[in-house]
Amino acid sequence: MAQIIFKHLTVDQIRDASGIYSGTNIQSKYKANERRFEGNGKIVGDQNLLQHNKHLIIKRPDCRGK
């Protein structure tokens, strides 16, 4: 088995299904769920600039009754 030793580790961001584990670890029943709604729609023209933009996502009613 390989052994990796870091003298220093800096983490700027942890996203999605990422994780940091130190020492002896056993991951059991590890699960990640994600729902992402994002977008700007359509921007047409030359030299457009978006600043301080905000988005509103309106969830459609679920046709299955949930």
PDB file of N, CA and C in Angstrom:
ATOM      1  N   MET A   1       0.844  -1.179   0.000  1.00  0.00           N
ATOM      2  CA  MET A   1       0.000   0.000   0.000  1.00  0.00           C
ATOM      3  C   MET A   1       0.886   1.238   0.000  1.00  0.00           C
ATOM      4  N   ALA A   2       0.528   2.219  -0.833  1.00  0.00           N
ATOM      5  CA  ALA A   2       1.285   3.463  -0.925  1.00  0.00           C
ATOM      6  C   ALA A   2       0.952   4.370   0.257  1.00  0.00           C
ATOM      7  N   GLN A   3       1.929   5.162   0.677  1.00  0.00           N
ATOM      8  CA  GLN A   3       1.714   6.123   1.753  1.00  0.00           C
ATOM      9  C   GLN A   3       2.083   7.498   1.227  1.00  0.00           C
ATOM     10  N   ILE A   4       1.152   8.436   1.341  1.00  0.00           N
ATOM     11  CA  ILE A   4       1.372   9.808   0.899  1.00  0.00           C
ATOM     12  C   ILE A   4       1.333  10.699   2.127  1.00  0.00           C
ATOM     13  N   ILE A   5       2.344  11.540   2.305  1.00  0.00           N
ATOM     14  CA  ILE A   5       2.427  12.439   3.461  1.00  0.00           C
ATOM     15  C   ILE A   5       2.542  13.869   2.952  1.00  0.00           C
ATOM     16  N   PHE A   6       1.635  14.719   3.419  1.00  0.00           N
ATOM     17  CA  PHE A   6       1.671  16.140   3.085  1.00  0.00           C
ATOM     18  C   PHE A   6       2.181  16.903   4.297  1.00  0.00           C
ATOM     19  N   LYS A   7       3.089  17.846   4.081  1.00  0.00           N
ATOM     20  CA  LYS A   7       3.517  18.724   5.170  1.00  0.00           C
ATOM     21  C   LYS A   7       2.512  19.838   5.376  1.00  0.00           C
ATOM     22  N   HIS A   8       1.853  20.256   4.298  1.00  0.00           N
ATOM     23  CA  HIS A   8       0.880  21.348   4.372  1.00  0.00           C
ATOM     24  C   HIS A   8      -0.168  21.120   3.286  1.00  0.00           C
ATOM     25  N   LEU A   9      -1.429  21.333   3.618  1.00  0.00           N
ATOM     26  CA  LEU A   9      -2.517  21.162   2.654  1.00  0.00           C
ATOM     27  C   LEU A   9      -3.491  22.321   2.818  1.00  0.00           C
ATOM     28  N   THR A  10      -3.757  23.033   1.740  1.00  0.00           N
ATOM     29  CA  THR A  10      -4.708  24.135   1.745  1.00  0.00           C
ATOM     30  C   THR A  10      -5.854  23.790   0.814  1.00  0.00           C
ATOM     31  N   VAL A  11      -7.074  23.946   1.301  1.00  0.00           N
ATOM     32  CA  VAL A  11      -8.267  23.661   0.500  1.00  0.00           C
ATOM     33  C   VAL A  11      -9.015  24.969   0.298  1.00  0.00           C
ATOM     34  N   ASP A  12      -9.213  25.346  -0.950  1.00  0.00           N
ATOM     35  CA  ASP A  12      -9.945  26.570  -1.266  1.00  0.00           C
ATOM     36  C   ASP A  12     -11.442  26.327  -1.363  1.00  0.00           C
ATOM     37  N   GLN A  13     -11.829  25.146  -1.843  1.00  0.00           N
ATOM     38  CA  GLN A  13     -13.247  24.895  -2.064  1.00  0.00           C
ATOM     39  C   GLN A  13     -13.508  23.398  -2.128  1.00  0.00           C
ATOM     40  N   ILE A  14     -14.612  22.972  -1.523  1.00  0.00           N
ATOM     41  CA  ILE A  14     -15.077  21.590  -1.632  1.00  0.00           C
ATOM     42  C   ILE A  14     -16.465  21.644  -2.239  1.00  0.00           C
ATOM     43  N   ARG A  15     -16.671  20.912  -3.330  1.00  0.00           N
ATOM     44  CA  ARG A  15     -17.957  20.952  -4.025  1.00  0.00           C
ATOM     45  C   ARG A  15     -18.415  19.553  -4.400  1.00  0.00           C
ATOM     46  N   ASP A  16     -19.650  19.503  -4.822  1.00  0.00           N
ATOM     47  CA  ASP A  16     -20.269  18.290  -5.350  1.00  0.00           C
ATOM     48  C   ASP A  16     -20.101  17.137  -4.360  1.00  0.00           C
ATOM     49  N   ALA A  17     -19.536  16.033  -4.768  1.00  0.00           N
ATOM     50  CA  ALA A  17     -19.408  14.868  -3.891  1.00  0.00           C
ATOM     51  C   ALA A  17     -17.983  14.742  -3.359  1.00  0.00           C
ATOM     52  N   SER A  18     -17.292  15.851  -3.169  1.00  0.00           N
ATOM     53  CA  SER A  18     -15.913  15.831  -2.700  1.00  0.00           C
ATOM     54  C   SER A  18     -15.857  15.729  -1.183  1.00  0.00           C
ATOM     55  N   GLY A  19     -14.737  15.294  -0.672  1.00  0.00           N
ATOM     56  CA  GLY A  19     -14.535  15.236   0.765  1.00  0.00           C
ATOM     57  C   GLY A  19     -13.058  15.153   1.081  1.00  0.00           C
ATOM     58  N   ILE A  20     -12.712  15.476   2.313  1.00  0.00           N
ATOM     59  CA  ILE A  20     -11.332  15.351   2.790  1.00  0.00           C
ATOM     60  C   ILE A  20     -11.362  14.430   3.997  1.00  0.00           C
ATOM     61  N   TYR A  21     -10.591  13.392   3.938  1.00  0.00           N
ATOM     62  CA  TYR A  21     -10.552  12.407   5.013  1.00  0.00           C
ATOM     63  C   TYR A  21      -9.128  12.298   5.518  1.00  0.00           C
ATOM     64  N   SER A  22      -8.963  12.314   6.817  1.00  0.00           N
ATOM     65  CA  SER A  22      -7.638  12.241   7.418  1.00  0.00           C
ATOM     66  C   SER A  22      -7.616  11.096   8.420  1.00  0.00           C
ATOM     67  N   GLY A  23      -6.521  10.378   8.465  1.00  0.00           N
ATOM     68  CA  GLY A  23      -6.419   9.264   9.399  1.00  0.00           C
ATOM     69  C   GLY A  23      -7.008   7.998   8.798  1.00  0.00           C
ATOM     70  N   THR A  24      -7.356   7.055   9.641  1.00  0.00           N
ATOM     71  CA  THR A  24      -7.949   5.797   9.196  1.00  0.00           C
ATOM     72  C   THR A  24      -9.446   6.011   9.023  1.00  0.00           C
ATOM     73  N   ASN A  25      -9.932   5.829   7.818  1.00  0.00           N
ATOM     74  CA  ASN A  25     -11.335   6.084   7.504  1.00  0.00           C
ATOM     75  C   ASN A  25     -11.936   4.915   6.755  1.00  0.00           C
ATOM     76  N   ILE A  26     -13.176   4.655   7.027  1.00  0.00           N
ATOM     77  CA  ILE A  26     -13.971   3.713   6.246  1.00  0.00           C
ATOM     78  C   ILE A  26     -15.260   4.444   5.887  1.00  0.00           C
ATOM     79  N   GLN A  27     -15.453   4.696   4.606  1.00  0.00           N
ATOM     80  CA  GLN A  27     -16.668   5.365   4.161  1.00  0.00           C
ATOM     81  C   GLN A  27     -17.749   4.308   3.988  1.00  0.00           C
ATOM     82  N   SER A  28     -18.869   4.526   4.650  1.00  0.00           N
ATOM     83  CA  SER A  28     -19.975   3.579   4.599  1.00  0.00           C
ATOM     84  C   SER A  28     -21.259   4.330   4.295  1.00  0.00           C
ATOM     85  N   LYS A  29     -22.036   3.807   3.390  1.00  0.00           N
ATOM     86  CA  LYS A  29     -23.316   4.410   2.997  1.00  0.00           C
ATOM     87  C   LYS A  29     -23.130   5.875   2.595  1.00  0.00           C
ATOM     88  N   TYR A  30     -22.048   6.156   1.896  1.00  0.00           N
ATOM     89  CA  TYR A  30     -21.729   7.505   1.439  1.00  0.00           C
ATOM     90  C   TYR A  30     -22.702   7.872   0.328  1.00  0.00           C
ATOM     91  N   LYS A  31     -23.342   9.023   0.444  1.00  0.00           N
ATOM     92  CA  LYS A  31     -24.369   9.410  -0.509  1.00  0.00           C
ATOM     93  C   LYS A  31     -24.311  10.915  -0.750  1.00  0.00           C
ATOM     94  N   ALA A  32     -24.516  11.315  -1.992  1.00  0.00           N
ATOM     95  CA  ALA A  32     -24.563  12.730  -2.327  1.00  0.00           C
ATOM     96  C   ALA A  32     -25.753  12.976  -3.241  1.00  0.00           C
ATOM     97  N   ASN A  33     -26.511  14.011  -2.944  1.00  0.00           N
ATOM     98  CA  ASN A  33     -27.643  14.416  -3.775  1.00  0.00           C
ATOM     99  C   ASN A  33     -27.441  15.854  -4.194  1.00  0.00           C
ATOM    100  N   GLU A  34     -27.858  16.158  -5.409  1.00  0.00           N
ATOM    101  CA  GLU A  34     -27.695  17.523  -5.889  1.00  0.00           C
ATOM    102  C   GLU A  34     -28.820  17.868  -6.851  1.00  0.00           C
ATOM    103  N   ARG A  35     -29.300  19.079  -6.739  1.00  0.00           N
ATOM    104  CA  ARG A  35     -30.251  19.629  -7.697  1.00  0.00           C
ATOM    105  C   ARG A  35     -29.765  21.032  -8.013  1.00  0.00           C
ATOM    106  N   ARG A  36     -29.539  21.291  -9.272  1.00  0.00           N
ATOM    107  CA  ARG A  36     -28.982  22.588  -9.651  1.00  0.00           C
ATOM    108  C   ARG A  36     -29.819  23.200 -10.771  1.00  0.00           C
ATOM    109  N   PHE A  37     -30.292  24.399 -10.544  1.00  0.00           N
ATOM    110  CA  PHE A  37     -31.002  25.175 -11.547  1.00  0.00           C
ATOM    111  C   PHE A  37     -30.205  26.461 -11.743  1.00  0.00           C
ATOM    112  N   GLU A  38     -29.751  26.707 -12.946  1.00  0.00           N
ATOM    113  CA  GLU A  38     -28.981  27.926 -13.157  1.00  0.00           C
ATOM    114  C   GLU A  38     -29.023  28.310 -14.624  1.00  0.00           C
ATOM    115  N   GLY A  39     -28.710  29.543 -14.898  1.00  0.00           N
ATOM    116  CA  GLY A  39     -28.617  29.992 -16.276  1.00  0.00           C
ATOM    117  C   GLY A  39     -28.962  31.448 -16.430  1.00  0.00           C
ATOM    118  N   ASN A  40     -28.489  32.031 -17.500  1.00  0.00           N
ATOM    119  CA  ASN A  40     -28.768  33.424 -17.816  1.00  0.00           C
ATOM    120  C   ASN A  40     -29.815  33.554 -18.906  1.00  0.00           C
ATOM    121  N   GLY A  41     -30.210  32.469 -19.512  1.00  0.00           N
ATOM    122  CA  GLY A  41     -31.126  32.584 -20.636  1.00  0.00           C
ATOM    123  C   GLY A  41     -30.349  32.937 -21.881  1.00  0.00           C
ATOM    124  N   LYS A  42     -30.816  33.929 -22.598  1.00  0.00           N
ATOM    125  CA  LYS A  42     -30.197  34.292 -23.867  1.00  0.00           C
ATOM    126  C   LYS A  42     -29.753  35.755 -23.830  1.00  0.00           C
ATOM    127  N   ILE A  43     -28.513  35.992 -24.150  1.00  0.00           N
ATOM    128  CA  ILE A  43     -27.965  37.351 -24.205  1.00  0.00           C
ATOM    129  C   ILE A  43     -27.455  37.555 -25.623  1.00  0.00           C
ATOM    130  N   VAL A  44     -28.023  38.547 -26.304  1.00  0.00           N
ATOM    131  CA  VAL A  44     -27.727  38.753 -27.717  1.00  0.00           C
ATOM    132  C   VAL A  44     -27.070  40.115 -27.907  1.00  0.00           C
ATOM    133  N   GLY A  45     -26.119  40.182 -28.810  1.00  0.00           N
ATOM    134  CA  GLY A  45     -25.481  41.455 -29.136  1.00  0.00           C
ATOM    135  C   GLY A  45     -23.980  41.379 -28.972  1.00  0.00           C
ATOM    136  N   ASP A  46     -23.333  42.511 -29.134  1.00  0.00           N
ATOM    137  CA  ASP A  46     -21.882  42.602 -29.035  1.00  0.00           C
ATOM    138  C   ASP A  46     -21.502  43.344 -27.756  1.00  0.00           C
ATOM    139  N   GLN A  47     -20.423  42.926 -27.136  1.00  0.00           N
ATOM    140  CA  GLN A  47     -19.827  43.576 -25.966  1.00  0.00           C
ATOM    141  C   GLN A  47     -20.831  43.742 -24.817  1.00  0.00           C
ATOM    142  N   ASN A  48     -21.625  42.707 -24.556  1.00  0.00           N
ATOM    143  CA  ASN A  48     -22.573  42.728 -23.443  1.00  0.00           C
ATOM    144  C   ASN A  48     -21.842  42.515 -22.133  1.00  0.00           C
ATOM    145  N   LEU A  49     -22.331  43.108 -21.074  1.00  0.00           N
ATOM    146  CA  LEU A  49     -21.734  42.983 -19.755  1.00  0.00           C
ATOM    147  C   LEU A  49     -22.843  42.763 -18.732  1.00  0.00           C
ATOM    148  N   LEU A  50     -22.754  41.699 -17.961  1.00  0.00           N
ATOM    149  CA  LEU A  50     -23.714  41.427 -16.892  1.00  0.00           C
ATOM    150  C   LEU A  50     -23.083  41.811 -15.568  1.00  0.00           C
ATOM    151  N   GLN A  51     -23.791  42.594 -14.770  1.00  0.00           N
ATOM    152  CA  GLN A  51     -23.298  42.977 -13.452  1.00  0.00           C
ATOM    153  C   GLN A  51     -24.426  42.858 -12.445  1.00  0.00           C
ATOM    154  N   HIS A  52     -24.134  42.266 -11.312  1.00  0.00           N
ATOM    155  CA  HIS A  52     -25.081  42.156 -10.202  1.00  0.00           C
ATOM    156  C   HIS A  52     -26.402  41.507 -10.647  1.00  0.00           C
ATOM    157  N   ASN A  53     -26.301  40.535 -11.553  1.00  0.00           N
ATOM    158  CA  ASN A  53     -27.511  39.898 -12.048  1.00  0.00           C
ATOM    159  C   ASN A  53     -28.072  38.917 -11.015  1.00  0.00           C
ATOM    160  N   LYS A  54     -29.388  38.751 -11.029  1.00  0.00           N
ATOM    161  CA  LYS A  54     -30.088  37.846 -10.121  1.00  0.00           C
ATOM    162  C   LYS A  54     -31.009  36.970 -10.949  1.00  0.00           C
ATOM    163  N   HIS A  55     -31.246  35.760 -10.469  1.00  0.00           N
ATOM    164  CA  HIS A  55     -32.088  34.809 -11.176  1.00  0.00           C
ATOM    165  C   HIS A  55     -33.183  34.321 -10.248  1.00  0.00           C
ATOM    166  N   LEU A  56     -34.347  34.083 -10.799  1.00  0.00           N
ATOM    167  CA  LEU A  56     -35.470  33.541 -10.049  1.00  0.00           C
ATOM    168  C   LEU A  56     -35.897  32.255 -10.732  1.00  0.00           C
ATOM    169  N   ILE A  57     -35.888  31.160  -9.987  1.00  0.00           N
ATOM    170  CA  ILE A  57     -36.315  29.865 -10.504  1.00  0.00           C
ATOM    171  C   ILE A  57     -37.672  29.566  -9.894  1.00  0.00           C
ATOM    172  N   ILE A  58     -38.671  29.379 -10.728  1.00  0.00           N
ATOM    173  CA  ILE A  58     -40.009  29.026 -10.258  1.00  0.00           C
ATOM    174  C   ILE A  58     -40.236  27.570 -10.623  1.00  0.00           C
ATOM    175  N   LYS A  59     -40.415  26.750  -9.605  1.00  0.00           N
ATOM    176  CA  LYS A  59     -40.591  25.324  -9.830  1.00  0.00           C
ATOM    177  C   LYS A  59     -41.981  25.069 -10.390  1.00  0.00           C
ATOM    178  N   ARG A  60     -42.041  24.312 -11.475  1.00  0.00           N
ATOM    179  CA  ARG A  60     -43.318  23.937 -12.065  1.00  0.00           C
ATOM    180  C   ARG A  60     -44.008  22.927 -11.163  1.00  0.00           C
ATOM    181  N   PRO A  61     -45.322  22.962 -11.092  1.00  0.00           N
ATOM    182  CA  PRO A  61     -46.032  21.945 -10.304  1.00  0.00           C
ATOM    183  C   PRO A  61     -45.737  20.559 -10.861  1.00  0.00           C
ATOM    184  N   ASP A  62     -45.518  19.619  -9.981  1.00  0.00           N
ATOM    185  CA  ASP A  62     -45.229  18.250 -10.386  1.00  0.00           C
ATOM    186  C   ASP A  62     -46.523  17.601 -10.862  1.00  0.00           C
ATOM    187  N   CYS A  63     -46.547  17.131 -12.085  1.00  0.00           N
ATOM    188  CA  CYS A  63     -47.753  16.559 -12.648  1.00  0.00           C
ATOM    189  C   CYS A  63     -48.096  15.211 -12.016  1.00  0.00           C
ATOM    190  N   ARG A  64     -47.170  14.632 -11.245  1.00  0.00           N
ATOM    191  CA  ARG A  64     -47.433  13.346 -10.591  1.00  0.00           C
ATOM    192  C   ARG A  64     -48.029  13.521  -9.200  1.00  0.00           C
ATOM    193  N   GLY A  65     -48.279  14.740  -8.796  1.00  0.00           N
ATOM    194  CA  GLY A  65     -48.917  14.993  -7.506  1.00  0.00           C
ATOM    195  C   GLY A  65     -47.994  14.941  -6.309  1.00  0.00           C
ATOM    196  N   LYS A  66     -46.688  15.022  -6.523  1.00  0.00           N
ATOM    197  CA  LYS A  66     -45.737  14.987  -5.393  1.00  0.00           C
ATOM    198  C   LYS A  66     -45.472  16.367  -4.889  1.00  0.00           C
TER     199      LYS A  66
END
